[in-house]
Amino acid sequence: MRQTGLTWGNLSSHISKLEASNYVEVEKTFKGKKPHTMLHLTNKGRAAFQIYRQQMKQVFDDLPD
């Protein structure tokens, strides 16, 4: 939440969609009495992110000066 500036509800919705697509694995634990959620990028998620990065790089490279 701190890194994205999203509310918990918005972030939870995004995480659910990424998990449903098998892009991330969600690990929920507790640190003391506080819930702690960790996300792990799957191989499928890593590959999709690499494709996204390449496509975005191409978009920016194609912009005129």
C-alpha atoms as a PDB file:
ATOM      1  CA  MET A   1       0.000   0.000   0.000  1.00  0.00           C
ATOM      2  CA  ARG A   2       2.821   2.381   0.854  1.00  0.00           C
ATOM      3  CA  GLN A   3       4.565   1.824  -2.466  1.00  0.00           C
ATOM      4  CA  THR A   4       1.524   2.124  -4.717  1.00  0.00           C
ATOM      5  CA  GLY A   5      -0.634   4.651  -2.881  1.00  0.00           C
ATOM      6  CA  LEU A   6      -3.659   2.408  -3.491  1.00  0.00           C
ATOM      7  CA  THR A   7      -6.311   1.822  -0.861  1.00  0.00           C
ATOM      8  CA  TRP A   8      -6.501  -1.648   0.676  1.00  0.00           C
ATOM      9  CA  GLY A   9      -9.685  -2.393  -1.304  1.00  0.00           C
ATOM     10  CA  ASN A  10      -8.149  -1.404  -4.650  1.00  0.00           C
ATOM     11  CA  LEU A  11      -4.927  -3.244  -3.932  1.00  0.00           C
ATOM     12  CA  SER A  12      -6.827  -6.355  -2.850  1.00  0.00           C
ATOM     13  CA  SER A  13      -8.809  -6.312  -6.103  1.00  0.00           C
ATOM     14  CA  HIS A  14      -5.623  -6.085  -8.200  1.00  0.00           C
ATOM     15  CA  ILE A  15      -3.960  -8.852  -6.196  1.00  0.00           C
ATOM     16  CA  SER A  16      -6.996 -11.122  -6.642  1.00  0.00           C
ATOM     17  CA  LYS A  17      -6.899 -10.665 -10.422  1.00  0.00           C
ATOM     18  CA  LEU A  18      -3.145 -11.335 -10.572  1.00  0.00           C
ATOM     19  CA  GLU A  19      -3.603 -14.436  -8.424  1.00  0.00           C
ATOM     20  CA  ALA A  20      -6.499 -15.687 -10.584  1.00  0.00           C
ATOM     21  CA  SER A  21      -4.254 -15.323 -13.650  1.00  0.00           C
ATOM     22  CA  ASN A  22      -1.506 -17.302 -11.877  1.00  0.00           C
ATOM     23  CA  TYR A  23       0.875 -14.336 -12.090  1.00  0.00           C
ATOM     24  CA  VAL A  24       1.429 -14.204  -8.321  1.00  0.00           C
ATOM     25  CA  GLU A  25       1.163 -16.526  -5.345  1.00  0.00           C
ATOM     26  CA  VAL A  26      -0.212 -15.004  -2.151  1.00  0.00           C
ATOM     27  CA  GLU A  27       1.153 -15.985   1.262  1.00  0.00           C
ATOM     28  CA  LYS A  28      -0.760 -14.722   4.284  1.00  0.00           C
ATOM     29  CA  THR A  29       0.814 -14.953   7.738  1.00  0.00           C
ATOM     30  CA  PHE A  30       0.860 -12.993  10.975  1.00  0.00           C
ATOM     31  CA  LYS A  31       3.657 -10.930  12.464  1.00  0.00           C
ATOM     32  CA  GLY A  32       2.687 -10.909  16.084  1.00  0.00           C
ATOM     33  CA  LYS A  33      -1.008 -10.144  15.959  1.00  0.00           C
ATOM     34  CA  LYS A  34      -0.900  -8.201  12.688  1.00  0.00           C
ATOM     35  CA  PRO A  35      -1.711  -9.819   9.332  1.00  0.00           C
ATOM     36  CA  HIS A  36       1.178  -9.881   6.865  1.00  0.00           C
ATOM     37  CA  THR A  37       0.678 -10.577   3.146  1.00  0.00           C
ATOM     38  CA  MET A  38       3.557 -11.543   0.859  1.00  0.00           C
ATOM     39  CA  LEU A  39       3.326 -11.872  -2.909  1.00  0.00           C
ATOM     40  CA  HIS A  40       5.575 -14.131  -4.942  1.00  0.00           C
ATOM     41  CA  LEU A  41       5.871 -13.695  -8.691  1.00  0.00           C
ATOM     42  CA  THR A  42       5.319 -16.986 -10.534  1.00  0.00           C
ATOM     43  CA  ASN A  43       7.272 -18.051 -13.615  1.00  0.00           C
ATOM     44  CA  LYS A  44       4.192 -17.211 -15.698  1.00  0.00           C
ATOM     45  CA  GLY A  45       3.985 -13.788 -14.036  1.00  0.00           C
ATOM     46  CA  ARG A  46       7.675 -13.124 -14.572  1.00  0.00           C
ATOM     47  CA  ALA A  47       7.384 -14.002 -18.272  1.00  0.00           C
ATOM     48  CA  ALA A  48       4.296 -11.792 -18.688  1.00  0.00           C
ATOM     49  CA  PHE A  49       6.082  -8.905 -16.964  1.00  0.00           C
ATOM     50  CA  GLN A  50       9.102  -9.255 -19.263  1.00  0.00           C
ATOM     51  CA  ILE A  51       6.827  -9.077 -22.318  1.00  0.00           C
ATOM     52  CA  TYR A  52       5.076  -6.024 -20.843  1.00  0.00           C
ATOM     53  CA  ARG A  53       8.433  -4.301 -20.219  1.00  0.00           C
ATOM     54  CA  GLN A  54       9.548  -4.973 -23.804  1.00  0.00           C
ATOM     55  CA  GLN A  55       6.281  -3.647 -25.214  1.00  0.00           C
ATOM     56  CA  MET A  56       6.404  -0.491 -23.076  1.00  0.00           C
ATOM     57  CA  LYS A  57      10.039   0.080 -24.018  1.00  0.00           C
ATOM     58  CA  GLN A  58       9.038  -0.148 -27.678  1.00  0.00           C
ATOM     59  CA  VAL A  59       6.223   2.375 -27.152  1.00  0.00           C
ATOM     60  CA  PHE A  60       8.658   4.877 -25.618  1.00  0.00           C
ATOM     61  CA  ASP A  61      11.352   4.193 -28.221  1.00  0.00           C
ATOM     62  CA  ASP A  62       8.820   4.915 -30.986  1.00  0.00           C
ATOM     63  CA  LEU A  63       7.873   8.331 -29.585  1.00  0.00           C
ATOM     64  CA  PRO A  64       9.226  11.267 -31.566  1.00  0.00           C
ATOM     65  CA  ASP A  65      11.836  13.476 -29.919  1.00  0.00           C
END
